[in-house]
Protein backbone atom coordinates (compact mmCIF):
# COMPACT_ATOMS: atom_id res chain seq x y z
CA UNK A 1 0.00 0.00 0.00
CA UNK A 2 1.27 3.47 -0.88
CA UNK A 3 1.66 5.93 1.99
CA UNK A 4 1.77 9.71 1.73
CA UNK A 5 3.65 11.79 4.28
CA UNK A 6 4.70 15.42 4.61
CA UNK A 7 8.11 16.23 3.20
CA UNK A 8 10.83 16.39 5.89
CA UNK A 9 14.43 17.59 5.83
CA UNK A 10 15.59 13.97 6.10
CA UNK A 11 13.88 13.26 2.73
CA UNK A 12 16.31 15.49 0.79
CA UNK A 13 18.21 12.73 -0.97
CA UNK A 14 15.18 10.70 -2.05
CA UNK A 15 13.23 13.79 -3.05
CA UNK A 16 16.27 15.02 -4.99
CA UNK A 17 16.42 11.83 -7.06
CA UNK A 18 12.74 12.16 -7.97
CA UNK A 19 13.14 15.91 -8.62
CA UNK A 20 15.95 15.21 -11.10
CA UNK A 21 13.75 12.66 -12.91
CA UNK A 22 10.94 15.23 -12.98
CA UNK A 23 13.22 17.87 -14.49
CA UNK A 24 14.50 15.37 -17.06
CA UNK A 25 10.93 14.45 -18.01
CA UNK A 26 10.21 18.12 -18.70
CA UNK A 27 13.59 18.57 -20.43
CA UNK A 28 14.53 21.21 -17.88
CA UNK A 29 17.71 22.06 -16.07
CA UNK A 30 17.84 24.20 -12.94
CA UNK A 31 20.74 25.74 -11.12
CA UNK A 32 21.43 23.59 -8.02
CA UNK A 33 20.89 26.70 -5.88
CA UNK A 34 17.28 26.86 -7.13
CA UNK A 35 16.73 23.21 -6.26
CA UNK A 36 18.19 23.76 -2.80
CA UNK A 37 15.95 26.79 -2.29
CA UNK A 38 12.84 24.94 -3.48
CA UNK A 39 13.48 22.08 -1.09
CA UNK A 40 14.13 24.43 1.83
CA UNK A 41 10.87 26.28 1.16
CA UNK A 42 8.93 23.01 0.82
CA UNK A 43 10.24 21.71 4.13
CA UNK A 44 9.61 25.03 5.86
CA UNK A 45 5.96 24.85 4.76
CA UNK A 46 5.90 28.62 4.47
CA UNK A 47 3.76 29.05 1.37
CA UNK A 48 4.89 25.94 -0.48
CA UNK A 49 4.01 22.47 0.78
CA UNK A 50 5.21 19.03 -0.21
CA UNK A 51 4.59 15.36 0.40
CA UNK A 52 6.27 12.09 -0.61
CA UNK A 53 4.61 8.87 -1.68
CA UNK A 54 6.30 5.68 -0.50
CA UNK A 55 5.76 2.10 -1.62
CA UNK A 56 5.40 -0.96 0.63
CA UNK A 57 9.18 -1.12 1.03
CA UNK A 58 9.38 2.52 2.15
CA UNK A 59 10.98 3.68 -1.12
CA UNK A 60 10.05 7.21 -2.23
CA UNK A 61 8.16 6.78 -5.51
CA UNK A 62 6.54 10.16 -6.02
CA UNK A 63 5.96 13.66 -4.79
CA UNK A 64 3.42 16.43 -4.84
CA UNK A 65 3.93 20.15 -4.23
CA UNK A 66 1.11 22.63 -3.67
CA UNK A 67 0.33 26.11 -2.46
CA UNK A 68 -2.72 28.08 -1.38
CA UNK A 69 -3.54 31.44 -2.90
CA UNK A 70 -6.30 34.03 -2.59
CA UNK A 71 -9.19 33.88 -5.00
CA UNK A 72 -11.27 36.53 -6.69
CA UNK A 73 -14.22 34.10 -6.92
CA UNK A 74 -14.59 33.13 -3.26
CA UNK A 75 -13.80 34.40 0.23
CA UNK A 76 -11.52 31.42 0.85
CA UNK A 77 -8.30 30.35 -0.82
CA UNK A 78 -7.70 27.94 -3.67
CA UNK A 79 -5.24 25.07 -3.55
CA UNK A 80 -2.91 25.09 -6.56
CA UNK A 81 -1.14 21.87 -7.55
CA UNK A 82 2.37 23.04 -8.46
CA UNK A 83 4.21 19.77 -9.21
CA UNK A 84 3.25 16.09 -9.36
CA UNK A 85 5.61 13.25 -10.23
CA UNK A 86 5.50 9.47 -9.96
CA UNK A 87 8.50 7.27 -10.73
CA UNK A 88 8.05 5.59 -14.14
CA UNK A 89 8.35 2.07 -12.76
CA UNK A 90 5.28 2.47 -10.51
CA UNK A 91 2.98 4.52 -12.74
CA UNK A 92 -0.43 2.98 -13.25
CA UNK A 93 0.02 0.69 -10.26
C-alpha atoms as a PDB file:
ATOM      1  CA  UNK A   1       0.000   0.000   0.000  1.00  0.00           C
ATOM      2  CA  UNK A   2       1.266   3.468  -0.876  1.00  0.00           C
ATOM      3  CA  UNK A   3       1.657   5.930   1.989  1.00  0.00           C
ATOM      4  CA  UNK A   4       1.766   9.714   1.726  1.00  0.00           C
ATOM      5  CA  UNK A   5       3.646  11.786   4.284  1.00  0.00           C
ATOM      6  CA  UNK A   6       4.696  15.422   4.612  1.00  0.00           C
ATOM      7  CA  UNK A   7       8.109  16.232   3.197  1.00  0.00           C
ATOM      8  CA  UNK A   8      10.829  16.387   5.890  1.00  0.00           C
ATOM      9  CA  UNK A   9      14.426  17.593   5.834  1.00  0.00           C
ATOM     10  CA  UNK A  10      15.591  13.966   6.095  1.00  0.00           C
ATOM     11  CA  UNK A  11      13.881  13.256   2.733  1.00  0.00           C
ATOM     12  CA  UNK A  12      16.307  15.492   0.788  1.00  0.00           C
ATOM     13  CA  UNK A  13      18.214  12.726  -0.974  1.00  0.00           C
ATOM     14  CA  UNK A  14      15.181  10.698  -2.050  1.00  0.00           C
ATOM     15  CA  UNK A  15      13.228  13.790  -3.047  1.00  0.00           C
ATOM     16  CA  UNK A  16      16.266  15.023  -4.991  1.00  0.00           C
ATOM     17  CA  UNK A  17      16.418  11.832  -7.056  1.00  0.00           C
ATOM     18  CA  UNK A  18      12.736  12.160  -7.970  1.00  0.00           C
ATOM     19  CA  UNK A  19      13.141  15.906  -8.623  1.00  0.00           C
ATOM     20  CA  UNK A  20      15.952  15.206 -11.101  1.00  0.00           C
ATOM     21  CA  UNK A  21      13.752  12.661 -12.915  1.00  0.00           C
ATOM     22  CA  UNK A  22      10.941  15.226 -12.979  1.00  0.00           C
ATOM     23  CA  UNK A  23      13.215  17.868 -14.488  1.00  0.00           C
ATOM     24  CA  UNK A  24      14.501  15.375 -17.057  1.00  0.00           C
ATOM     25  CA  UNK A  25      10.933  14.446 -18.015  1.00  0.00           C
ATOM     26  CA  UNK A  26      10.208  18.122 -18.702  1.00  0.00           C
ATOM     27  CA  UNK A  27      13.589  18.573 -20.429  1.00  0.00           C
ATOM     28  CA  UNK A  28      14.525  21.213 -17.876  1.00  0.00           C
ATOM     29  CA  UNK A  29      17.714  22.059 -16.070  1.00  0.00           C
ATOM     30  CA  UNK A  30      17.842  24.200 -12.943  1.00  0.00           C
ATOM     31  CA  UNK A  31      20.742  25.741 -11.120  1.00  0.00           C
ATOM     32  CA  UNK A  32      21.431  23.595  -8.016  1.00  0.00           C
ATOM     33  CA  UNK A  33      20.886  26.704  -5.877  1.00  0.00           C
ATOM     34  CA  UNK A  34      17.283  26.864  -7.131  1.00  0.00           C
ATOM     35  CA  UNK A  35      16.728  23.205  -6.260  1.00  0.00           C
ATOM     36  CA  UNK A  36      18.193  23.763  -2.798  1.00  0.00           C
ATOM     37  CA  UNK A  37      15.950  26.788  -2.294  1.00  0.00           C
ATOM     38  CA  UNK A  38      12.838  24.942  -3.483  1.00  0.00           C
ATOM     39  CA  UNK A  39      13.479  22.076  -1.092  1.00  0.00           C
ATOM     40  CA  UNK A  40      14.129  24.427   1.828  1.00  0.00           C
ATOM     41  CA  UNK A  41      10.870  26.279   1.156  1.00  0.00           C
ATOM     42  CA  UNK A  42       8.934  23.007   0.820  1.00  0.00           C
ATOM     43  CA  UNK A  43      10.240  21.711   4.132  1.00  0.00           C
ATOM     44  CA  UNK A  44       9.608  25.032   5.863  1.00  0.00           C
ATOM     45  CA  UNK A  45       5.964  24.849   4.763  1.00  0.00           C
ATOM     46  CA  UNK A  46       5.900  28.623   4.468  1.00  0.00           C
ATOM     47  CA  UNK A  47       3.758  29.055   1.373  1.00  0.00           C
ATOM     48  CA  UNK A  48       4.893  25.938  -0.481  1.00  0.00           C
ATOM     49  CA  UNK A  49       4.007  22.471   0.785  1.00  0.00           C
ATOM     50  CA  UNK A  50       5.212  19.029  -0.212  1.00  0.00           C
ATOM     51  CA  UNK A  51       4.594  15.359   0.403  1.00  0.00           C
ATOM     52  CA  UNK A  52       6.271  12.095  -0.610  1.00  0.00           C
ATOM     53  CA  UNK A  53       4.606   8.871  -1.682  1.00  0.00           C
ATOM     54  CA  UNK A  54       6.299   5.680  -0.500  1.00  0.00           C
ATOM     55  CA  UNK A  55       5.764   2.103  -1.616  1.00  0.00           C
ATOM     56  CA  UNK A  56       5.399  -0.958   0.634  1.00  0.00           C
ATOM     57  CA  UNK A  57       9.177  -1.120   1.031  1.00  0.00           C
ATOM     58  CA  UNK A  58       9.385   2.517   2.149  1.00  0.00           C
ATOM     59  CA  UNK A  59      10.982   3.682  -1.125  1.00  0.00           C
ATOM     60  CA  UNK A  60      10.050   7.209  -2.226  1.00  0.00           C
ATOM     61  CA  UNK A  61       8.159   6.779  -5.511  1.00  0.00           C
ATOM     62  CA  UNK A  62       6.541  10.158  -6.025  1.00  0.00           C
ATOM     63  CA  UNK A  63       5.965  13.662  -4.788  1.00  0.00           C
ATOM     64  CA  UNK A  64       3.423  16.426  -4.843  1.00  0.00           C
ATOM     65  CA  UNK A  65       3.930  20.152  -4.227  1.00  0.00           C
ATOM     66  CA  UNK A  66       1.113  22.631  -3.672  1.00  0.00           C
ATOM     67  CA  UNK A  67       0.334  26.110  -2.455  1.00  0.00           C
ATOM     68  CA  UNK A  68      -2.716  28.080  -1.382  1.00  0.00           C
ATOM     69  CA  UNK A  69      -3.542  31.442  -2.901  1.00  0.00           C
ATOM     70  CA  UNK A  70      -6.303  34.026  -2.593  1.00  0.00           C
ATOM     71  CA  UNK A  71      -9.194  33.879  -5.002  1.00  0.00           C
ATOM     72  CA  UNK A  72     -11.275  36.528  -6.694  1.00  0.00           C
ATOM     73  CA  UNK A  73     -14.221  34.096  -6.921  1.00  0.00           C
ATOM     74  CA  UNK A  74     -14.588  33.129  -3.263  1.00  0.00           C
ATOM     75  CA  UNK A  75     -13.799  34.400   0.231  1.00  0.00           C
ATOM     76  CA  UNK A  76     -11.525  31.419   0.850  1.00  0.00           C
ATOM     77  CA  UNK A  77      -8.295  30.347  -0.824  1.00  0.00           C
ATOM     78  CA  UNK A  78      -7.697  27.940  -3.675  1.00  0.00           C
ATOM     79  CA  UNK A  79      -5.235  25.074  -3.547  1.00  0.00           C
ATOM     80  CA  UNK A  80      -2.911  25.090  -6.565  1.00  0.00           C
ATOM     81  CA  UNK A  81      -1.137  21.875  -7.552  1.00  0.00           C
ATOM     82  CA  UNK A  82       2.373  23.039  -8.464  1.00  0.00           C
ATOM     83  CA  UNK A  83       4.214  19.772  -9.210  1.00  0.00           C
ATOM     84  CA  UNK A  84       3.248  16.093  -9.357  1.00  0.00           C
ATOM     85  CA  UNK A  85       5.612  13.254 -10.229  1.00  0.00           C
ATOM     86  CA  UNK A  86       5.503   9.471  -9.961  1.00  0.00           C
ATOM     87  CA  UNK A  87       8.505   7.267 -10.734  1.00  0.00           C
ATOM     88  CA  UNK A  88       8.048   5.593 -14.141  1.00  0.00           C
ATOM     89  CA  UNK A  89       8.348   2.069 -12.759  1.00  0.00           C
ATOM     90  CA  UNK A  90       5.277   2.473 -10.509  1.00  0.00           C
ATOM     91  CA  UNK A  91       2.975   4.518 -12.739  1.00  0.00           C
ATOM     92  CA  UNK A  92      -0.434   2.978 -13.253  1.00  0.00           C
ATOM     93  CA  UNK A  93       0.022   0.686 -10.259  1.00  0.00           C
END
